[in-house]
Amino acid sequence: MGEIGAQLIGLAGTAVAIASFQFKKNQIFFAMQALAAVCFSVHFFLLGATAGMALNIYCIFRGWLMLERDRGRAWSRSRWAEIALYALCPIAVAVTWTGDWRAVLSTVGTLIGTYAMCCGVPRRIRILQVSLVSPCWLIYNLLCHSVAGVLTESFNMVSSAVFLIRLRRSGAPTAPKANP
């Protein structure tokens, strides 16, 4: 398929990922994110970046689990489901490990993103996205020559920063209130 084909598939993933943020319902958001991860899995495979491919396949699973949480499935909120989620990330990379140190960046970013999603606090998710998750993936994408990945993470960082600015200007509480 070649470099241009790989980039075009990645750009399709970028378009789907950006569009996913326009939906109010979490179920549609998670489904769109899973579709973007499918595109990015193929994209990274074609670029020869197996860690990126494996982690995007992992993100499909993570999105499904978050969807099940949103649907109120008790098992998806269990400690075992969360432990499995954290364990599968490095396992996915280990299975595809080629000795490429760049995989460490994307793995760390994905694990932090998983932690943020499991917390479920919008402000925390955005802070971690803009400060750690996207920068890890941005560097990985630059090193792997993923134009679509760079665009996606740049968008994610700007979008998260805008959310945080709007939250602060609105005067809304920036952290959940503790129960007395």
N, C-alpha and C. Protein backbone atom coordinates (compact mmCIF):
# COMPACT_ATOMS: atom_id res chain seq x y z
N MET A 1 0.83 -1.19 0.00
CA MET A 1 0.00 0.00 0.00
C MET A 1 0.87 1.25 0.00
N GLY A 2 1.98 1.23 0.69
CA GLY A 2 2.93 2.32 0.64
C GLY A 2 2.68 3.42 1.66
N GLU A 3 3.61 4.34 1.69
CA GLU A 3 3.60 5.45 2.65
C GLU A 3 2.35 6.33 2.50
N ILE A 4 1.98 6.66 1.28
CA ILE A 4 0.82 7.53 1.07
C ILE A 4 -0.46 6.84 1.53
N GLY A 5 -0.60 5.58 1.22
CA GLY A 5 -1.78 4.83 1.67
C GLY A 5 -1.86 4.76 3.18
N ALA A 6 -0.72 4.52 3.81
CA ALA A 6 -0.68 4.46 5.28
C ALA A 6 -1.12 5.79 5.87
N GLN A 7 -0.61 6.89 5.32
CA GLN A 7 -0.96 8.22 5.83
C GLN A 7 -2.45 8.52 5.59
N LEU A 8 -2.98 8.10 4.44
CA LEU A 8 -4.40 8.35 4.16
C LEU A 8 -5.31 7.58 5.14
N ILE A 9 -4.94 6.35 5.45
CA ILE A 9 -5.73 5.58 6.42
C ILE A 9 -5.64 6.25 7.79
N GLY A 10 -4.45 6.73 8.15
CA GLY A 10 -4.29 7.46 9.41
C GLY A 10 -5.11 8.73 9.43
N LEU A 11 -5.16 9.44 8.30
CA LEU A 11 -5.97 10.67 8.24
C LEU A 11 -7.46 10.36 8.37
N ALA A 12 -7.88 9.21 7.88
CA ALA A 12 -9.27 8.79 8.10
C ALA A 12 -9.51 8.60 9.60
N GLY A 13 -8.55 8.00 10.28
CA GLY A 13 -8.64 7.85 11.73
C GLY A 13 -8.68 9.19 12.44
N THR A 14 -7.89 10.13 11.96
CA THR A 14 -7.89 11.48 12.53
C THR A 14 -9.28 12.11 12.38
N ALA A 15 -9.85 12.00 11.19
CA ALA A 15 -11.17 12.59 10.93
C ALA A 15 -12.23 11.98 11.85
N VAL A 16 -12.19 10.67 12.02
CA VAL A 16 -13.16 9.98 12.87
C VAL A 16 -12.94 10.40 14.34
N ALA A 17 -11.68 10.46 14.76
CA ALA A 17 -11.38 10.85 16.15
C ALA A 17 -11.87 12.26 16.44
N ILE A 18 -11.63 13.18 15.51
CA ILE A 18 -12.07 14.57 15.70
C ILE A 18 -13.60 14.63 15.72
N ALA A 19 -14.23 13.91 14.81
CA ALA A 19 -15.70 13.91 14.75
C ALA A 19 -16.31 13.33 16.03
N SER A 20 -15.61 12.39 16.66
CA SER A 20 -16.16 11.74 17.85
C SER A 20 -16.43 12.73 18.97
N PHE A 21 -15.67 13.81 19.03
CA PHE A 21 -15.85 14.79 20.09
C PHE A 21 -17.10 15.64 19.91
N GLN A 22 -17.76 15.51 18.77
CA GLN A 22 -18.95 16.31 18.51
C GLN A 22 -20.23 15.64 19.00
N PHE A 23 -20.14 14.42 19.47
CA PHE A 23 -21.31 13.69 19.93
C PHE A 23 -21.46 13.79 21.44
N LYS A 24 -22.68 14.04 21.87
CA LYS A 24 -22.95 14.19 23.31
C LYS A 24 -23.06 12.85 24.02
N LYS A 25 -23.56 11.85 23.32
CA LYS A 25 -23.75 10.54 23.94
C LYS A 25 -22.43 9.79 24.00
N ASN A 26 -22.11 9.30 25.20
CA ASN A 26 -20.87 8.54 25.37
C ASN A 26 -20.83 7.31 24.49
N GLN A 27 -21.97 6.66 24.29
CA GLN A 27 -21.99 5.45 23.49
C GLN A 27 -21.52 5.71 22.06
N ILE A 28 -21.96 6.82 21.48
CA ILE A 28 -21.52 7.15 20.13
C ILE A 28 -20.05 7.55 20.16
N PHE A 29 -19.66 8.33 21.18
CA PHE A 29 -18.27 8.74 21.32
C PHE A 29 -17.34 7.53 21.39
N PHE A 30 -17.67 6.55 22.25
CA PHE A 30 -16.82 5.38 22.40
C PHE A 30 -16.78 4.55 21.11
N ALA A 31 -17.90 4.44 20.42
CA ALA A 31 -17.93 3.69 19.16
C ALA A 31 -17.05 4.38 18.11
N MET A 32 -17.14 5.70 18.03
CA MET A 32 -16.32 6.45 17.07
C MET A 32 -14.83 6.34 17.42
N GLN A 33 -14.52 6.40 18.71
CA GLN A 33 -13.13 6.24 19.13
C GLN A 33 -12.61 4.85 18.75
N ALA A 34 -13.44 3.84 18.88
CA ALA A 34 -13.04 2.49 18.49
C ALA A 34 -12.78 2.42 16.99
N LEU A 35 -13.62 3.05 16.20
CA LEU A 35 -13.42 3.08 14.74
C LEU A 35 -12.11 3.80 14.40
N ALA A 36 -11.83 4.91 15.08
CA ALA A 36 -10.58 5.62 14.86
C ALA A 36 -9.40 4.71 15.21
N ALA A 37 -9.52 3.94 16.29
CA ALA A 37 -8.44 3.03 16.69
C ALA A 37 -8.22 1.93 15.66
N VAL A 38 -9.29 1.48 15.01
CA VAL A 38 -9.14 0.50 13.93
C VAL A 38 -8.31 1.11 12.80
N CYS A 39 -8.66 2.33 12.41
CA CYS A 39 -7.90 3.02 11.35
C CYS A 39 -6.44 3.18 11.74
N PHE A 40 -6.20 3.62 12.98
CA PHE A 40 -4.83 3.83 13.43
C PHE A 40 -4.06 2.51 13.59
N SER A 41 -4.74 1.43 13.91
CA SER A 41 -4.07 0.13 13.98
C SER A 41 -3.51 -0.24 12.62
N VAL A 42 -4.33 -0.09 11.58
CA VAL A 42 -3.88 -0.38 10.22
C VAL A 42 -2.78 0.60 9.82
N HIS A 43 -2.97 1.87 10.12
CA HIS A 43 -1.99 2.92 9.81
C HIS A 43 -0.61 2.57 10.37
N PHE A 44 -0.55 2.27 11.68
CA PHE A 44 0.73 1.97 12.30
C PHE A 44 1.32 0.65 11.78
N PHE A 45 0.47 -0.32 11.49
CA PHE A 45 0.95 -1.56 10.89
C PHE A 45 1.66 -1.27 9.58
N LEU A 46 1.03 -0.45 8.74
CA LEU A 46 1.62 -0.12 7.45
C LEU A 46 2.90 0.70 7.57
N LEU A 47 3.02 1.46 8.67
CA LEU A 47 4.24 2.22 8.91
C LEU A 47 5.33 1.37 9.55
N GLY A 48 4.99 0.14 9.95
CA GLY A 48 5.95 -0.73 10.61
C GLY A 48 6.12 -0.42 12.08
N ALA A 49 5.19 0.33 12.65
CA ALA A 49 5.23 0.72 14.06
C ALA A 49 4.32 -0.22 14.84
N THR A 50 4.86 -1.39 15.21
CA THR A 50 4.02 -2.42 15.80
C THR A 50 3.46 -2.04 17.17
N ALA A 51 4.20 -1.26 17.94
CA ALA A 51 3.68 -0.84 19.25
C ALA A 51 2.45 0.04 19.06
N GLY A 52 2.50 0.97 18.13
CA GLY A 52 1.34 1.82 17.84
C GLY A 52 0.15 0.99 17.40
N MET A 53 0.41 -0.02 16.58
CA MET A 53 -0.65 -0.92 16.14
C MET A 53 -1.25 -1.66 17.33
N ALA A 54 -0.39 -2.27 18.15
CA ALA A 54 -0.87 -3.06 19.29
C ALA A 54 -1.63 -2.20 20.29
N LEU A 55 -1.13 -1.00 20.54
CA LEU A 55 -1.80 -0.13 21.51
C LEU A 55 -3.14 0.37 21.00
N ASN A 56 -3.27 0.55 19.71
CA ASN A 56 -4.57 0.95 19.18
C ASN A 56 -5.56 -0.21 19.22
N ILE A 57 -5.07 -1.43 19.02
CA ILE A 57 -5.95 -2.59 19.21
C ILE A 57 -6.39 -2.65 20.67
N TYR A 58 -5.47 -2.41 21.57
CA TYR A 58 -5.79 -2.34 23.01
C TYR A 58 -6.84 -1.26 23.26
N CYS A 59 -6.71 -0.11 22.59
CA CYS A 59 -7.66 1.00 22.80
C CYS A 59 -9.07 0.64 22.33
N ILE A 60 -9.17 -0.26 21.37
CA ILE A 60 -10.49 -0.76 20.96
C ILE A 60 -11.13 -1.49 22.15
N PHE A 61 -10.35 -2.36 22.77
CA PHE A 61 -10.83 -3.09 23.95
C PHE A 61 -11.15 -2.12 25.09
N ARG A 62 -10.27 -1.16 25.33
CA ARG A 62 -10.49 -0.19 26.41
C ARG A 62 -11.77 0.60 26.15
N GLY A 63 -12.00 1.01 24.92
CA GLY A 63 -13.22 1.73 24.58
C GLY A 63 -14.46 0.91 24.81
N TRP A 64 -14.39 -0.38 24.46
CA TRP A 64 -15.52 -1.28 24.70
C TRP A 64 -15.80 -1.37 26.20
N LEU A 65 -14.75 -1.51 27.02
CA LEU A 65 -14.94 -1.60 28.46
C LEU A 65 -15.54 -0.29 29.01
N MET A 66 -15.09 0.85 28.51
CA MET A 66 -15.65 2.13 28.96
C MET A 66 -17.12 2.25 28.54
N LEU A 67 -17.44 1.72 27.38
CA LEU A 67 -18.83 1.70 26.92
C LEU A 67 -19.68 0.85 27.86
N GLU A 68 -19.17 -0.29 28.26
CA GLU A 68 -19.89 -1.15 29.20
C GLU A 68 -20.07 -0.45 30.55
N ARG A 69 -19.06 0.30 30.99
CA ARG A 69 -19.20 1.09 32.23
C ARG A 69 -20.31 2.11 32.07
N ASP A 70 -20.32 2.78 30.93
CA ASP A 70 -21.33 3.80 30.67
C ASP A 70 -22.73 3.19 30.66
N ARG A 71 -22.83 1.96 30.21
CA ARG A 71 -24.12 1.26 30.19
C ARG A 71 -24.53 0.75 31.57
N GLY A 72 -23.63 0.90 32.56
CA GLY A 72 -23.94 0.50 33.92
C GLY A 72 -23.68 -0.95 34.24
N ARG A 73 -22.91 -1.63 33.41
CA ARG A 73 -22.59 -3.03 33.67
C ARG A 73 -21.66 -3.12 34.88
N ALA A 74 -22.11 -3.77 35.94
CA ALA A 74 -21.36 -3.84 37.20
C ALA A 74 -20.00 -4.49 37.02
N TRP A 75 -19.93 -5.56 36.23
CA TRP A 75 -18.66 -6.27 36.06
C TRP A 75 -17.59 -5.36 35.48
N SER A 76 -17.99 -4.39 34.66
CA SER A 76 -17.01 -3.52 34.01
C SER A 76 -16.38 -2.53 34.98
N ARG A 77 -16.99 -2.37 36.14
CA ARG A 77 -16.45 -1.48 37.17
C ARG A 77 -15.70 -2.25 38.26
N SER A 78 -15.61 -3.55 38.09
CA SER A 78 -14.95 -4.37 39.11
C SER A 78 -13.45 -4.11 39.12
N ARG A 79 -12.85 -4.41 40.25
CA ARG A 79 -11.40 -4.26 40.39
C ARG A 79 -10.67 -5.16 39.41
N TRP A 80 -11.23 -6.36 39.15
CA TRP A 80 -10.61 -7.30 38.23
C TRP A 80 -10.61 -6.78 36.80
N ALA A 81 -11.68 -6.14 36.40
CA ALA A 81 -11.74 -5.57 35.05
C ALA A 81 -10.69 -4.47 34.90
N GLU A 82 -10.53 -3.67 35.94
CA GLU A 82 -9.54 -2.59 35.89
C GLU A 82 -8.11 -3.15 35.88
N ILE A 83 -7.86 -4.17 36.69
CA ILE A 83 -6.53 -4.80 36.70
C ILE A 83 -6.23 -5.41 35.33
N ALA A 84 -7.21 -6.09 34.76
CA ALA A 84 -7.02 -6.67 33.42
C ALA A 84 -6.73 -5.59 32.39
N LEU A 85 -7.43 -4.48 32.51
CA LEU A 85 -7.22 -3.37 31.58
C LEU A 85 -5.79 -2.84 31.66
N TYR A 86 -5.30 -2.64 32.88
CA TYR A 86 -3.92 -2.16 33.04
C TYR A 86 -2.90 -3.21 32.59
N ALA A 87 -3.17 -4.47 32.83
CA ALA A 87 -2.22 -5.52 32.47
C ALA A 87 -2.14 -5.74 30.97
N LEU A 88 -3.26 -5.60 30.28
CA LEU A 88 -3.28 -5.86 28.84
C LEU A 88 -2.44 -4.87 28.03
N CYS A 89 -2.29 -3.67 28.51
CA CYS A 89 -1.54 -2.65 27.77
C CYS A 89 -0.08 -3.06 27.58
N PRO A 90 0.68 -3.30 28.65
CA PRO A 90 2.07 -3.72 28.43
C PRO A 90 2.19 -5.09 27.78
N ILE A 91 1.20 -5.96 28.00
CA ILE A 91 1.22 -7.27 27.35
C ILE A 91 1.11 -7.09 25.84
N ALA A 92 0.23 -6.21 25.40
CA ALA A 92 0.07 -5.95 23.96
C ALA A 92 1.38 -5.50 23.34
N VAL A 93 2.10 -4.64 24.05
CA VAL A 93 3.38 -4.15 23.53
C VAL A 93 4.43 -5.25 23.58
N ALA A 94 4.45 -6.03 24.67
CA ALA A 94 5.45 -7.10 24.81
C ALA A 94 5.32 -8.14 23.70
N VAL A 95 4.07 -8.45 23.33
CA VAL A 95 3.83 -9.44 22.28
C VAL A 95 4.38 -8.96 20.94
N THR A 96 4.35 -7.66 20.71
CA THR A 96 4.81 -7.12 19.43
C THR A 96 6.18 -6.45 19.54
N TRP A 97 6.86 -6.63 20.68
CA TRP A 97 8.13 -5.94 20.94
C TRP A 97 9.18 -6.30 19.89
N THR A 98 9.79 -5.27 19.35
CA THR A 98 10.87 -5.46 18.36
C THR A 98 12.17 -4.82 18.85
N GLY A 99 12.19 -4.44 20.14
CA GLY A 99 13.38 -3.78 20.67
C GLY A 99 13.37 -2.28 20.43
N ASP A 100 12.26 -1.76 19.95
CA ASP A 100 12.15 -0.35 19.62
C ASP A 100 11.78 0.45 20.87
N TRP A 101 12.67 1.28 21.36
CA TRP A 101 12.46 2.05 22.58
C TRP A 101 11.30 3.04 22.47
N ARG A 102 10.91 3.41 21.25
CA ARG A 102 9.79 4.34 21.08
C ARG A 102 8.51 3.77 21.68
N ALA A 103 8.43 2.45 21.75
CA ALA A 103 7.24 1.80 22.30
C ALA A 103 7.00 2.21 23.75
N VAL A 104 8.07 2.54 24.47
CA VAL A 104 7.93 2.95 25.86
C VAL A 104 7.09 4.23 25.95
N LEU A 105 7.34 5.17 25.05
CA LEU A 105 6.58 6.44 25.04
C LEU A 105 5.09 6.21 24.86
N SER A 106 4.75 5.46 23.83
CA SER A 106 3.33 5.24 23.55
C SER A 106 2.67 4.39 24.64
N THR A 107 3.41 3.47 25.23
CA THR A 107 2.86 2.65 26.30
C THR A 107 2.58 3.48 27.54
N VAL A 108 3.53 4.33 27.92
CA VAL A 108 3.33 5.21 29.08
C VAL A 108 2.12 6.12 28.83
N GLY A 109 2.05 6.72 27.65
CA GLY A 109 0.92 7.58 27.32
C GLY A 109 -0.41 6.84 27.39
N THR A 110 -0.43 5.63 26.90
CA THR A 110 -1.67 4.84 26.90
C THR A 110 -2.06 4.44 28.33
N LEU A 111 -1.09 4.04 29.14
CA LEU A 111 -1.40 3.69 30.53
C LEU A 111 -1.94 4.88 31.31
N ILE A 112 -1.36 6.04 31.11
CA ILE A 112 -1.85 7.25 31.78
C ILE A 112 -3.25 7.59 31.29
N GLY A 113 -3.47 7.43 29.98
CA GLY A 113 -4.80 7.67 29.43
C GLY A 113 -5.83 6.70 29.99
N THR A 114 -5.43 5.47 30.20
CA THR A 114 -6.32 4.48 30.79
C THR A 114 -6.67 4.86 32.22
N TYR A 115 -5.67 5.28 32.98
CA TYR A 115 -5.91 5.74 34.34
C TYR A 115 -6.91 6.90 34.33
N ALA A 116 -6.70 7.87 33.45
CA ALA A 116 -7.58 9.03 33.38
C ALA A 116 -9.01 8.62 33.06
N MET A 117 -9.17 7.71 32.09
CA MET A 117 -10.51 7.28 31.72
C MET A 117 -11.18 6.51 32.85
N CYS A 118 -10.42 5.71 33.58
CA CYS A 118 -10.98 4.95 34.69
C CYS A 118 -11.41 5.87 35.82
N CYS A 119 -10.71 6.97 36.02
CA CYS A 119 -11.10 7.94 37.05
C CYS A 119 -12.43 8.59 36.70
N GLY A 120 -12.62 8.87 35.41
CA GLY A 120 -13.88 9.42 34.95
C GLY A 120 -14.13 10.87 35.32
N VAL A 121 -13.11 11.60 35.76
CA VAL A 121 -13.28 13.01 36.13
C VAL A 121 -12.84 13.85 34.93
N PRO A 122 -13.79 14.55 34.27
CA PRO A 122 -13.45 15.27 33.04
C PRO A 122 -12.24 16.19 33.15
N ARG A 123 -12.13 16.93 34.23
CA ARG A 123 -11.00 17.85 34.38
C ARG A 123 -9.69 17.07 34.45
N ARG A 124 -9.66 16.01 35.23
CA ARG A 124 -8.44 15.20 35.36
C ARG A 124 -8.08 14.56 34.03
N ILE A 125 -9.09 14.07 33.31
CA ILE A 125 -8.83 13.46 32.00
C ILE A 125 -8.14 14.47 31.09
N ARG A 126 -8.66 15.71 31.05
CA ARG A 126 -8.09 16.72 30.16
C ARG A 126 -6.70 17.16 30.60
N ILE A 127 -6.49 17.31 31.90
CA ILE A 127 -5.16 17.70 32.40
C ILE A 127 -4.12 16.64 32.02
N LEU A 128 -4.45 15.39 32.25
CA LEU A 128 -3.52 14.32 31.91
C LEU A 128 -3.33 14.20 30.40
N GLN A 129 -4.40 14.46 29.64
CA GLN A 129 -4.31 14.40 28.18
C GLN A 129 -3.32 15.45 27.67
N VAL A 130 -3.48 16.69 28.12
CA VAL A 130 -2.66 17.78 27.60
C VAL A 130 -1.23 17.74 28.14
N SER A 131 -1.03 17.22 29.34
CA SER A 131 0.29 17.27 29.95
C SER A 131 1.13 16.01 29.76
N LEU A 132 0.49 14.85 29.62
CA LEU A 132 1.25 13.60 29.55
C LEU A 132 0.87 12.69 28.38
N VAL A 133 -0.41 12.39 28.24
CA VAL A 133 -0.83 11.41 27.24
C VAL A 133 -0.47 11.88 25.83
N SER A 134 -0.96 13.03 25.44
CA SER A 134 -0.69 13.52 24.08
C SER A 134 0.79 13.81 23.84
N PRO A 135 1.53 14.41 24.79
CA PRO A 135 2.96 14.60 24.52
C PRO A 135 3.71 13.28 24.28
N CYS A 136 3.39 12.23 25.05
CA CYS A 136 4.03 10.93 24.81
C CYS A 136 3.74 10.42 23.40
N TRP A 137 2.46 10.47 23.03
CA TRP A 137 2.07 10.00 21.70
C TRP A 137 2.57 10.93 20.60
N LEU A 138 2.63 12.21 20.86
CA LEU A 138 3.11 13.16 19.86
C LEU A 138 4.57 12.84 19.49
N ILE A 139 5.40 12.62 20.50
CA ILE A 139 6.80 12.27 20.24
C ILE A 139 6.88 10.94 19.49
N TYR A 140 6.10 9.95 19.93
CA TYR A 140 6.08 8.65 19.25
C TYR A 140 5.70 8.84 17.78
N ASN A 141 4.65 9.62 17.54
CA ASN A 141 4.19 9.83 16.17
C ASN A 141 5.24 10.55 15.31
N LEU A 142 5.91 11.52 15.88
CA LEU A 142 6.97 12.21 15.15
C LEU A 142 8.09 11.23 14.76
N LEU A 143 8.48 10.40 15.71
CA LEU A 143 9.55 9.45 15.46
C LEU A 143 9.15 8.35 14.47
N CYS A 144 7.86 8.05 14.39
CA CYS A 144 7.35 7.02 13.47
C CYS A 144 6.89 7.62 12.14
N HIS A 145 7.02 8.92 11.99
CA HIS A 145 6.60 9.62 10.77
C HIS A 145 5.10 9.49 10.51
N SER A 146 4.32 9.54 11.58
CA SER A 146 2.87 9.45 11.46
C SER A 146 2.28 10.86 11.42
N VAL A 147 2.02 11.34 10.22
CA VAL A 147 1.43 12.67 10.05
C VAL A 147 0.06 12.72 10.74
N ALA A 148 -0.74 11.70 10.53
CA ALA A 148 -2.08 11.65 11.13
C ALA A 148 -2.01 11.62 12.64
N GLY A 149 -1.05 10.89 13.18
CA GLY A 149 -0.89 10.83 14.63
C GLY A 149 -0.51 12.18 15.21
N VAL A 150 0.39 12.89 14.54
CA VAL A 150 0.78 14.23 14.99
C VAL A 150 -0.42 15.16 14.97
N LEU A 151 -1.19 15.12 13.89
CA LEU A 151 -2.39 15.97 13.79
C LEU A 151 -3.41 15.63 14.89
N THR A 152 -3.62 14.35 15.12
CA THR A 152 -4.59 13.92 16.12
C THR A 152 -4.18 14.37 17.52
N GLU A 153 -2.94 14.15 17.88
CA GLU A 153 -2.50 14.55 19.23
C GLU A 153 -2.44 16.06 19.38
N SER A 154 -2.12 16.76 18.33
CA SER A 154 -2.15 18.24 18.39
C SER A 154 -3.58 18.71 18.64
N PHE A 155 -4.52 18.12 17.92
CA PHE A 155 -5.93 18.45 18.13
C PHE A 155 -6.36 18.11 19.56
N ASN A 156 -5.97 16.93 20.04
CA ASN A 156 -6.34 16.52 21.39
C ASN A 156 -5.81 17.50 22.44
N MET A 157 -4.59 17.97 22.25
CA MET A 157 -4.01 18.91 23.22
C MET A 157 -4.74 20.25 23.19
N VAL A 158 -5.00 20.77 22.00
CA VAL A 158 -5.71 22.05 21.89
C VAL A 158 -7.12 21.91 22.44
N SER A 159 -7.81 20.85 22.08
CA SER A 159 -9.18 20.62 22.54
C SER A 159 -9.23 20.52 24.07
N SER A 160 -8.29 19.79 24.65
CA SER A 160 -8.26 19.64 26.11
C SER A 160 -7.95 20.96 26.79
N ALA A 161 -7.03 21.73 26.22
CA ALA A 161 -6.69 23.03 26.80
C ALA A 161 -7.88 23.98 26.74
N VAL A 162 -8.60 23.98 25.62
CA VAL A 162 -9.79 24.83 25.49
C VAL A 162 -10.84 24.43 26.53
N PHE A 163 -11.04 23.13 26.71
CA PHE A 163 -11.98 22.64 27.73
C PHE A 163 -11.60 23.17 29.10
N LEU A 164 -10.32 23.07 29.46
CA LEU A 164 -9.86 23.52 30.78
C LEU A 164 -10.03 25.03 30.95
N ILE A 165 -9.76 25.79 29.91
CA ILE A 165 -9.94 27.25 29.97
C ILE A 165 -11.42 27.58 30.15
N ARG A 166 -12.27 26.94 29.38
CA ARG A 166 -13.71 27.18 29.49
C ARG A 166 -14.23 26.79 30.87
N LEU A 167 -13.74 25.69 31.40
CA LEU A 167 -14.15 25.24 32.73
C LEU A 167 -13.76 26.27 33.78
N ARG A 168 -12.56 26.78 33.67
CA ARG A 168 -12.08 27.77 34.65
C ARG A 168 -12.87 29.08 34.55
N ARG A 169 -13.13 29.52 33.32
CA ARG A 169 -13.89 30.77 33.12
C ARG A 169 -15.34 30.65 33.56
N SER A 170 -15.89 29.44 33.48
CA SER A 170 -17.30 29.26 33.85
C SER A 170 -17.52 29.32 35.35
N GLY A 171 -16.44 29.19 36.10
CA GLY A 171 -16.57 29.19 37.55
C GLY A 171 -17.09 27.88 38.10
N ALA A 172 -17.18 26.88 37.24
CA ALA A 172 -17.66 25.56 37.68
C ALA A 172 -16.61 24.93 38.60
N PRO A 173 -17.08 24.12 39.52
CA PRO A 173 -16.11 23.45 40.40
C PRO A 173 -15.12 22.64 39.54
N THR A 174 -13.85 22.72 39.90
CA THR A 174 -12.83 22.03 39.11
C THR A 174 -12.50 20.67 39.66
N ALA A 175 -13.10 20.30 40.75
CA ALA A 175 -12.90 18.96 41.33
C ALA A 175 -14.20 18.52 41.97
N PRO A 176 -14.44 17.23 42.01
CA PRO A 176 -15.66 16.76 42.66
C PRO A 176 -15.64 17.11 44.14
N LYS A 177 -16.82 17.43 44.68
CA LYS A 177 -16.90 17.76 46.10
C LYS A 177 -16.80 16.48 46.92
N ALA A 178 -16.07 16.60 48.02
CA ALA A 178 -15.91 15.45 48.91
C ALA A 178 -17.20 15.28 49.72
N ASN A 179 -17.55 14.05 49.99
CA ASN A 179 -18.73 13.78 50.84
C ASN A 179 -18.37 14.05 52.29
N PRO A 180 -19.24 14.78 53.03
CA PRO A 180 -18.92 15.09 54.44
C PRO A 180 -18.96 13.87 55.31
